Amino acid sequence: DHARYVFIAKSALREGYGYVSDLLNRIASNKIAH
């Protein structure tokens, strides 16, 4: 899940959605903490 969210976050950033990318990276960080 962590890897998947990191991949989607990169896609969001490429498409210009900086906040959505940050949010997805935060969820990714939650996953690796779990």
ModelCIF file with pLDDT and N, C-alpha, C, O atoms, coordinates in Angstrom:
data_MODEL
#
_entry.id   MODEL 
#
_entity.id                         1 
_entity.type                       polymer 
_entity.pdbx_number_of_molecules   1 
#
_entity_poly.entity_id                      1 
_entity_poly.type                           'polypeptide(L)' 
_entity_poly.nstd_linkage                   no 
_entity_poly.nstd_monomer                   no 
_entity_poly.pdbx_seq_one_letter_code       DHARYVFIAKSALREGYGYVSDLLNRIASNKIAH 
_entity_poly.pdbx_seq_one_letter_code_can   DHARYVFIAKSALREGYGYVSDLLNRIASNKIAH 
_entity_poly.pdbx_strand_id                 A 
#
loop_
_entity_poly_seq.entity_id 
_entity_poly_seq.num 
_entity_poly_seq.mon_id 
_entity_poly_seq.hetero 
1 1  ASP n 
1 2  HIS n 
1 3  ALA n 
1 4  ARG n 
1 5  TYR n 
1 6  VAL n 
1 7  PHE n 
1 8  ILE n 
1 9  ALA n 
1 10 LYS n 
1 11 SER n 
1 12 ALA n 
1 13 LEU n 
1 14 ARG n 
1 15 GLU n 
1 16 GLY n 
1 17 TYR n 
1 18 GLY n 
1 19 TYR n 
1 20 VAL n 
1 21 SER n 
1 22 ASP n 
1 23 LEU n 
1 24 LEU n 
1 25 ASN n 
1 26 ARG n 
1 27 ILE n 
1 28 ALA n 
1 29 SER n 
1 30 ASN n 
1 31 LYS n 
1 32 ILE n 
1 33 ALA n 
1 34 HIS n 
#
_struct_asym.id          A 
_struct_asym.entity_id   1 
#
loop_
_ma_qa_metric.id 
_ma_qa_metric.mode 
_ma_qa_metric.name 
_ma_qa_metric.software_group_id 
_ma_qa_metric.type 
1 global pLDDT . pLDDT 
2 local  pLDDT . pLDDT 
#
_ma_qa_metric_global.metric_id      1 
_ma_qa_metric_global.metric_value   95.47 
_ma_qa_metric_global.model_id       1 
_ma_qa_metric_global.ordinal_id     1 
#
loop_
_ma_qa_metric_local.label_asym_id 
_ma_qa_metric_local.label_comp_id 
_ma_qa_metric_local.label_seq_id 
_ma_qa_metric_local.metric_id 
_ma_qa_metric_local.metric_value 
_ma_qa_metric_local.model_id 
_ma_qa_metric_local.ordinal_id 
A ASP 1  2 95.00 1 1  
A HIS 2  2 96.00 1 2  
A ALA 3  2 94.00 1 3  
A ARG 4  2 93.00 1 4  
A TYR 5  2 95.00 1 5  
A VAL 6  2 95.00 1 6  
A PHE 7  2 93.00 1 7  
A ILE 8  2 94.00 1 8  
A ALA 9  2 95.00 1 9  
A LYS 10 2 94.00 1 10 
A SER 11 2 92.00 1 11 
A ALA 12 2 95.00 1 12 
A LEU 13 2 94.00 1 13 
A ARG 14 2 93.00 1 14 
A GLU 15 2 93.00 1 15 
A GLY 16 2 94.00 1 16 
A TYR 17 2 96.00 1 17 
A GLY 18 2 96.00 1 18 
A TYR 19 2 95.00 1 19 
A VAL 20 2 96.00 1 20 
A SER 21 2 96.00 1 21 
A ASP 22 2 95.00 1 22 
A LEU 23 2 95.00 1 23 
A LEU 24 2 97.00 1 24 
A ASN 25 2 97.00 1 25 
A ARG 26 2 97.00 1 26 
A ILE 27 2 97.00 1 27 
A ALA 28 2 98.00 1 28 
A SER 29 2 98.00 1 29 
A ASN 30 2 97.00 1 30 
A LYS 31 2 98.00 1 31 
A ILE 32 2 97.00 1 32 
A ALA 33 2 98.00 1 33 
A HIS 34 2 98.00 1 34 
#
loop_
_atom_site.group_PDB 
_atom_site.id 
_atom_site.type_symbol 
_atom_site.label_atom_id 
_atom_site.label_alt_id 
_atom_site.label_comp_id 
_atom_site.label_asym_id 
_atom_site.label_entity_id 
_atom_site.label_seq_id 
_atom_site.pdbx_PDB_ins_code 
_atom_site.Cartn_x 
_atom_site.Cartn_y 
_atom_site.Cartn_z 
_atom_site.occupancy 
_atom_site.B_iso_or_equiv 
_atom_site.pdbx_formal_charge 
_atom_site.auth_seq_id 
_atom_site.auth_comp_id 
_atom_site.auth_asym_id 
_atom_site.auth_atom_id 
_atom_site.pdbx_PDB_model_num 
ATOM 1   N N  . ASP A 1 1  ? 0.830  -1.208 0.000   1.00 95.00 ? 1  ASP A N  1 
ATOM 2   C CA . ASP A 1 1  ? 0.000  0.000  0.000   1.00 95.00 ? 1  ASP A CA 1 
ATOM 3   C C  . ASP A 1 1  ? 0.863  1.256  0.000   1.00 95.00 ? 1  ASP A C  1 
ATOM 4   O O  . ASP A 1 1  ? 0.572  2.220  -0.709  1.00 95.00 ? 1  ASP A O  1 
ATOM 5   N N  . HIS A 1 2  ? 1.924  1.238  0.798   1.00 96.00 ? 2  HIS A N  1 
ATOM 6   C CA . HIS A 1 2  ? 2.846  2.382  0.844   1.00 96.00 ? 2  HIS A CA 1 
ATOM 7   C C  . HIS A 1 2  ? 3.389  2.681  -0.542  1.00 96.00 ? 2  HIS A C  1 
ATOM 8   O O  . HIS A 1 2  ? 3.390  3.830  -0.982  1.00 96.00 ? 2  HIS A O  1 
ATOM 9   N N  . ALA A 1 3  ? 3.851  1.645  -1.227  1.00 94.00 ? 3  ALA A N  1 
ATOM 10  C CA . ALA A 1 3  ? 4.404  1.841  -2.569  1.00 94.00 ? 3  ALA A CA 1 
ATOM 11  C C  . ALA A 1 3  ? 3.340  2.372  -3.530  1.00 94.00 ? 3  ALA A C  1 
ATOM 12  O O  . ALA A 1 3  ? 3.612  3.273  -4.324  1.00 94.00 ? 3  ALA A O  1 
ATOM 13  N N  . ARG A 1 4  ? 2.134  1.817  -3.457  1.00 93.00 ? 4  ARG A N  1 
ATOM 14  C CA . ARG A 1 4  ? 1.058  2.244  -4.359  1.00 93.00 ? 4  ARG A CA 1 
ATOM 15  C C  . ARG A 1 4  ? 0.720  3.719  -4.159  1.00 93.00 ? 4  ARG A C  1 
ATOM 16  O O  . ARG A 1 4  ? 0.527  4.447  -5.132  1.00 93.00 ? 4  ARG A O  1 
ATOM 17  N N  . TYR A 1 5  ? 0.647  4.165  -2.905  1.00 95.00 ? 5  TYR A N  1 
ATOM 18  C CA . TYR A 1 5  ? 0.338  5.573  -2.649  1.00 95.00 ? 5  TYR A CA 1 
ATOM 19  C C  . TYR A 1 5  ? 1.467  6.489  -3.113  1.00 95.00 ? 5  TYR A C  1 
ATOM 20  O O  . TYR A 1 5  ? 1.210  7.592  -3.596  1.00 95.00 ? 5  TYR A O  1 
ATOM 21  N N  . VAL A 1 6  ? 2.694  6.047  -2.972  1.00 95.00 ? 6  VAL A N  1 
ATOM 22  C CA . VAL A 1 6  ? 3.825  6.843  -3.467  1.00 95.00 ? 6  VAL A CA 1 
ATOM 23  C C  . VAL A 1 6  ? 3.735  6.999  -4.982  1.00 95.00 ? 6  VAL A C  1 
ATOM 24  O O  . VAL A 1 6  ? 3.977  8.084  -5.512  1.00 95.00 ? 6  VAL A O  1 
ATOM 25  N N  . PHE A 1 7  ? 3.385  5.913  -5.681  1.00 93.00 ? 7  PHE A N  1 
ATOM 26  C CA . PHE A 1 7  ? 3.254  5.974  -7.135  1.00 93.00 ? 7  PHE A CA 1 
ATOM 27  C C  . PHE A 1 7  ? 2.128  6.938  -7.544  1.00 93.00 ? 7  PHE A C  1 
ATOM 28  O O  . PHE A 1 7  ? 2.302  7.748  -8.454  1.00 93.00 ? 7  PHE A O  1 
ATOM 29  N N  . ILE A 1 8  ? 0.972  6.844  -6.863  1.00 94.00 ? 8  ILE A N  1 
ATOM 30  C CA . ILE A 1 8  ? -0.155 7.719  -7.198  1.00 94.00 ? 8  ILE A CA 1 
ATOM 31  C C  . ILE A 1 8  ? 0.188  9.172  -6.879  1.00 94.00 ? 8  ILE A C  1 
ATOM 32  O O  . ILE A 1 8  ? -0.195 10.080 -7.617  1.00 94.00 ? 8  ILE A O  1 
ATOM 33  N N  . ALA A 1 9  ? 0.913  9.390  -5.773  1.00 95.00 ? 9  ALA A N  1 
ATOM 34  C CA . ALA A 1 9  ? 1.318  10.751 -5.401  1.00 95.00 ? 9  ALA A CA 1 
ATOM 35  C C  . ALA A 1 9  ? 2.205  11.368 -6.480  1.00 95.00 ? 9  ALA A C  1 
ATOM 36  O O  . ALA A 1 9  ? 2.060  12.546 -6.807  1.00 95.00 ? 9  ALA A O  1 
ATOM 37  N N  . LYS A 1 10 ? 3.116  10.578 -7.029  1.00 94.00 ? 10 LYS A N  1 
ATOM 38  C CA . LYS A 1 10 ? 3.977  11.084 -8.107  1.00 94.00 ? 10 LYS A CA 1 
ATOM 39  C C  . LYS A 1 10 ? 3.148  11.444 -9.334  1.00 94.00 ? 10 LYS A C  1 
ATOM 40  O O  . LYS A 1 10 ? 3.412  12.443 -10.003 1.00 94.00 ? 10 LYS A O  1 
ATOM 41  N N  . SER A 1 11 ? 2.149  10.623 -9.621  1.00 92.00 ? 11 SER A N  1 
ATOM 42  C CA . SER A 1 11 ? 1.264  10.907 -10.745 1.00 92.00 ? 11 SER A CA 1 
ATOM 43  C C  . SER A 1 11 ? 0.497  12.202 -10.508 1.00 92.00 ? 11 SER A C  1 
ATOM 44  O O  . SER A 1 11 ? 0.348  13.014 -11.420 1.00 92.00 ? 11 SER A O  1 
ATOM 45  N N  . ALA A 1 12 ? 0.006  12.396 -9.279  1.00 95.00 ? 12 ALA A N  1 
ATOM 46  C CA . ALA A 1 12 ? -0.734 13.617 -8.953  1.00 95.00 ? 12 ALA A CA 1 
ATOM 47  C C  . ALA A 1 12 ? 0.149  14.852 -9.115  1.00 95.00 ? 12 ALA A C  1 
ATOM 48  O O  . ALA A 1 12 ? -0.301 15.879 -9.625  1.00 95.00 ? 12 ALA A O  1 
ATOM 49  N N  . LEU A 1 13 ? 1.394  14.752 -8.685  1.00 94.00 ? 13 LEU A N  1 
ATOM 50  C CA . LEU A 1 13 ? 2.308  15.889 -8.796  1.00 94.00 ? 13 LEU A CA 1 
ATOM 51  C C  . LEU A 1 13 ? 2.597  16.216 -10.255 1.00 94.00 ? 13 LEU A C  1 
ATOM 52  O O  . LEU A 1 13 ? 2.667  17.386 -10.631 1.00 94.00 ? 13 LEU A O  1 
ATOM 53  N N  . ARG A 1 14 ? 2.766  15.172 -11.085 1.00 93.00 ? 14 ARG A N  1 
ATOM 54  C CA . ARG A 1 14 ? 3.005  15.394 -12.517 1.00 93.00 ? 14 ARG A CA 1 
ATOM 55  C C  . ARG A 1 14 ? 1.815  16.104 -13.172 1.00 93.00 ? 14 ARG A C  1 
ATOM 56  O O  . ARG A 1 14 ? 1.984  16.890 -14.104 1.00 93.00 ? 14 ARG A O  1 
ATOM 57  N N  . GLU A 1 15 ? 0.615  15.816 -12.670 1.00 93.00 ? 15 GLU A N  1 
ATOM 58  C CA . GLU A 1 15 ? -0.593 16.416 -13.243 1.00 93.00 ? 15 GLU A CA 1 
ATOM 59  C C  . GLU A 1 15 ? -0.900 17.790 -12.642 1.00 93.00 ? 15 GLU A C  1 
ATOM 60  O O  . GLU A 1 15 ? -1.884 18.431 -13.012 1.00 93.00 ? 15 GLU A O  1 
ATOM 61  N N  . GLY A 1 16 ? -0.050 18.234 -11.713 1.00 94.00 ? 16 GLY A N  1 
ATOM 62  C CA . GLY A 1 16 ? -0.210 19.578 -11.173 1.00 94.00 ? 16 GLY A CA 1 
ATOM 63  C C  . GLY A 1 16 ? -1.017 19.672 -9.892  1.00 94.00 ? 16 GLY A C  1 
ATOM 64  O O  . GLY A 1 16 ? -1.377 20.772 -9.474  1.00 94.00 ? 16 GLY A O  1 
ATOM 65  N N  . TYR A 1 17 ? -1.311 18.537 -9.257  1.00 96.00 ? 17 TYR A N  1 
ATOM 66  C CA . TYR A 1 17 ? -2.099 18.545 -8.026  1.00 96.00 ? 17 TYR A CA 1 
ATOM 67  C C  . TYR A 1 17 ? -1.164 18.380 -6.822  1.00 96.00 ? 17 TYR A C  1 
ATOM 68  O O  . TYR A 1 17 ? -1.034 17.295 -6.254  1.00 96.00 ? 17 TYR A O  1 
ATOM 69  N N  . GLY A 1 18 ? -0.527 19.478 -6.458  1.00 96.00 ? 18 GLY A N  1 
ATOM 70  C CA . GLY A 1 18 ? 0.468  19.429 -5.394  1.00 96.00 ? 18 GLY A CA 1 
ATOM 71  C C  . GLY A 1 18 ? -0.095 19.033 -4.046  1.00 96.00 ? 18 GLY A C  1 
ATOM 72  O O  . GLY A 1 18 ? 0.506  18.235 -3.327  1.00 96.00 ? 18 GLY A O  1 
ATOM 73  N N  . TYR A 1 19 ? -1.270 19.596 -3.693  1.00 95.00 ? 19 TYR A N  1 
ATOM 74  C CA . TYR A 1 19 ? -1.847 19.264 -2.385  1.00 95.00 ? 19 TYR A CA 1 
ATOM 75  C C  . TYR A 1 19 ? -2.284 17.814 -2.330  1.00 95.00 ? 19 TYR A C  1 
ATOM 76  O O  . TYR A 1 19 ? -2.047 17.140 -1.328  1.00 95.00 ? 19 TYR A O  1 
ATOM 77  N N  . VAL A 1 20 ? -2.920 17.317 -3.386  1.00 96.00 ? 20 VAL A N  1 
ATOM 78  C CA . VAL A 1 20 ? -3.345 15.913 -3.429  1.00 96.00 ? 20 VAL A CA 1 
ATOM 79  C C  . VAL A 1 20 ? -2.129 15.003 -3.326  1.00 96.00 ? 20 VAL A C  1 
ATOM 80  O O  . VAL A 1 20 ? -2.178 13.970 -2.658  1.00 96.00 ? 20 VAL A O  1 
ATOM 81  N N  . SER A 1 21 ? -1.036 15.382 -3.988  1.00 96.00 ? 21 SER A N  1 
ATOM 82  C CA . SER A 1 21 ? 0.197  14.611 -3.898  1.00 96.00 ? 21 SER A CA 1 
ATOM 83  C C  . SER A 1 21 ? 0.712  14.560 -2.465  1.00 96.00 ? 21 SER A C  1 
ATOM 84  O O  . SER A 1 21 ? 1.102  13.499 -1.980  1.00 96.00 ? 21 SER A O  1 
ATOM 85  N N  . ASP A 1 22 ? 0.713  15.708 -1.787  1.00 95.00 ? 22 ASP A N  1 
ATOM 86  C CA . ASP A 1 22 ? 1.162  15.763 -0.389  1.00 95.00 ? 22 ASP A CA 1 
ATOM 87  C C  . ASP A 1 22 ? 0.285  14.881 0.497   1.00 95.00 ? 22 ASP A C  1 
ATOM 88  O O  . ASP A 1 22 ? 0.779  14.178 1.378   1.00 95.00 ? 22 ASP A O  1 
ATOM 89  N N  . LEU A 1 23 ? -1.012 14.930 0.251   1.00 95.00 ? 23 LEU A N  1 
ATOM 90  C CA . LEU A 1 23 ? -1.949 14.146 1.050   1.00 95.00 ? 23 LEU A CA 1 
ATOM 91  C C  . LEU A 1 23 ? -1.699 12.653 0.862   1.00 95.00 ? 23 LEU A C  1 
ATOM 92  O O  . LEU A 1 23 ? -1.699 11.893 1.830   1.00 95.00 ? 23 LEU A O  1 
ATOM 93  N N  . LEU A 1 24 ? -1.488 12.235 -0.378  1.00 97.00 ? 24 LEU A N  1 
ATOM 94  C CA . LEU A 1 24 ? -1.232 10.825 -0.671  1.00 97.00 ? 24 LEU A CA 1 
ATOM 95  C C  . LEU A 1 24 ? 0.094  10.365 -0.066  1.00 97.00 ? 24 LEU A C  1 
ATOM 96  O O  . LEU A 1 24 ? 0.208  9.239  0.416   1.00 97.00 ? 24 LEU A O  1 
ATOM 97  N N  . ASN A 1 25 ? 1.082  11.239 -0.096  1.00 97.00 ? 25 ASN A N  1 
ATOM 98  C CA . ASN A 1 25 ? 2.360  10.901 0.540   1.00 97.00 ? 25 ASN A CA 1 
ATOM 99  C C  . ASN A 1 25 ? 2.209  10.759 2.047   1.00 97.00 ? 25 ASN A C  1 
ATOM 100 O O  . ASN A 1 25 ? 2.896  9.954  2.675   1.00 97.00 ? 25 ASN A O  1 
ATOM 101 N N  . ARG A 1 26 ? 1.296  11.554 2.627   1.00 97.00 ? 26 ARG A N  1 
ATOM 102 C CA . ARG A 1 26 ? 1.046  11.436 4.060   1.00 97.00 ? 26 ARG A CA 1 
ATOM 103 C C  . ARG A 1 26 ? 0.403  10.089 4.392   1.00 97.00 ? 26 ARG A C  1 
ATOM 104 O O  . ARG A 1 26 ? 0.753  9.452  5.385   1.00 97.00 ? 26 ARG A O  1 
ATOM 105 N N  . ILE A 1 27 ? -0.543 9.664  3.550   1.00 97.00 ? 27 ILE A N  1 
ATOM 106 C CA . ILE A 1 27 ? -1.149 8.351  3.749   1.00 97.00 ? 27 ILE A CA 1 
ATOM 107 C C  . ILE A 1 27 ? -0.106 7.258  3.588   1.00 97.00 ? 27 ILE A C  1 
ATOM 108 O O  . ILE A 1 27 ? -0.104 6.276  4.331   1.00 97.00 ? 27 ILE A O  1 
ATOM 109 N N  . ALA A 1 28 ? 0.790  7.433  2.603   1.00 98.00 ? 28 ALA A N  1 
ATOM 110 C CA . ALA A 1 28 ? 1.871  6.463  2.401   1.00 98.00 ? 28 ALA A CA 1 
ATOM 111 C C  . ALA A 1 28 ? 2.737  6.359  3.651   1.00 98.00 ? 28 ALA A C  1 
ATOM 112 O O  . ALA A 1 28 ? 3.131  5.263  4.049   1.00 98.00 ? 28 ALA A O  1 
ATOM 113 N N  . SER A 1 29 ? 3.031  7.501  4.269   1.00 98.00 ? 29 SER A N  1 
ATOM 114 C CA . SER A 1 29 ? 3.822  7.498  5.504   1.00 98.00 ? 29 SER A CA 1 
ATOM 115 C C  . SER A 1 29 ? 3.081  6.778  6.630   1.00 98.00 ? 29 SER A C  1 
ATOM 116 O O  . SER A 1 29 ? 3.689  6.064  7.428   1.00 98.00 ? 29 SER A O  1 
ATOM 117 N N  . ASN A 1 30 ? 1.753  6.973  6.686   1.00 97.00 ? 30 ASN A N  1 
ATOM 118 C CA . ASN A 1 30 ? 0.955  6.246  7.678   1.00 97.00 ? 30 ASN A CA 1 
ATOM 119 C C  . ASN A 1 30 ? 1.083  4.744  7.480   1.00 97.00 ? 30 ASN A C  1 
ATOM 120 O O  . ASN A 1 30 ? 1.225  3.989  8.441   1.00 97.00 ? 30 ASN A O  1 
ATOM 121 N N  . LYS A 1 31 ? 1.031  4.319  6.223   1.00 98.00 ? 31 LYS A N  1 
ATOM 122 C CA . LYS A 1 31 ? 1.091  2.885  5.926   1.00 98.00 ? 31 LYS A CA 1 
ATOM 123 C C  . LYS A 1 31 ? 2.412  2.264  6.383   1.00 98.00 ? 31 LYS A C  1 
ATOM 124 O O  . LYS A 1 31 ? 2.425  1.173  6.954   1.00 98.00 ? 31 LYS A O  1 
ATOM 125 N N  . ILE A 1 32 ? 3.512  2.956  6.131   1.00 97.00 ? 32 ILE A N  1 
ATOM 126 C CA . ILE A 1 32 ? 4.797  2.387  6.523   1.00 97.00 ? 32 ILE A CA 1 
ATOM 127 C C  . ILE A 1 32 ? 4.958  2.425  8.037   1.00 97.00 ? 32 ILE A C  1 
ATOM 128 O O  . ILE A 1 32 ? 5.656  1.585  8.605   1.00 97.00 ? 32 ILE A O  1 
ATOM 129 N N  . ALA A 1 33 ? 4.316  3.398  8.701   1.00 98.00 ? 33 ALA A N  1 
ATOM 130 C CA . ALA A 1 33 ? 4.334  3.430  10.168  1.00 98.00 ? 33 ALA A CA 1 
ATOM 131 C C  . ALA A 1 33 ? 3.548  2.246  10.731  1.00 98.00 ? 33 ALA A C  1 
ATOM 132 O O  . ALA A 1 33 ? 3.970  1.625  11.706  1.00 98.00 ? 33 ALA A O  1 
ATOM 133 N N  . HIS A 1 34 ? 2.405  1.936  10.115  1.00 98.00 ? 34 HIS A N  1 
ATOM 134 C CA . HIS A 1 34 ? 1.629  0.773  10.544  1.00 98.00 ? 34 HIS A CA 1 
ATOM 135 C C  . HIS A 1 34 ? 2.417  -0.511 10.323  1.00 98.00 ? 34 HIS A C  1 
ATOM 136 O O  . HIS A 1 34 ? 1.923  -1.597 10.626  1.00 98.00 ? 34 HIS A O  1 
#
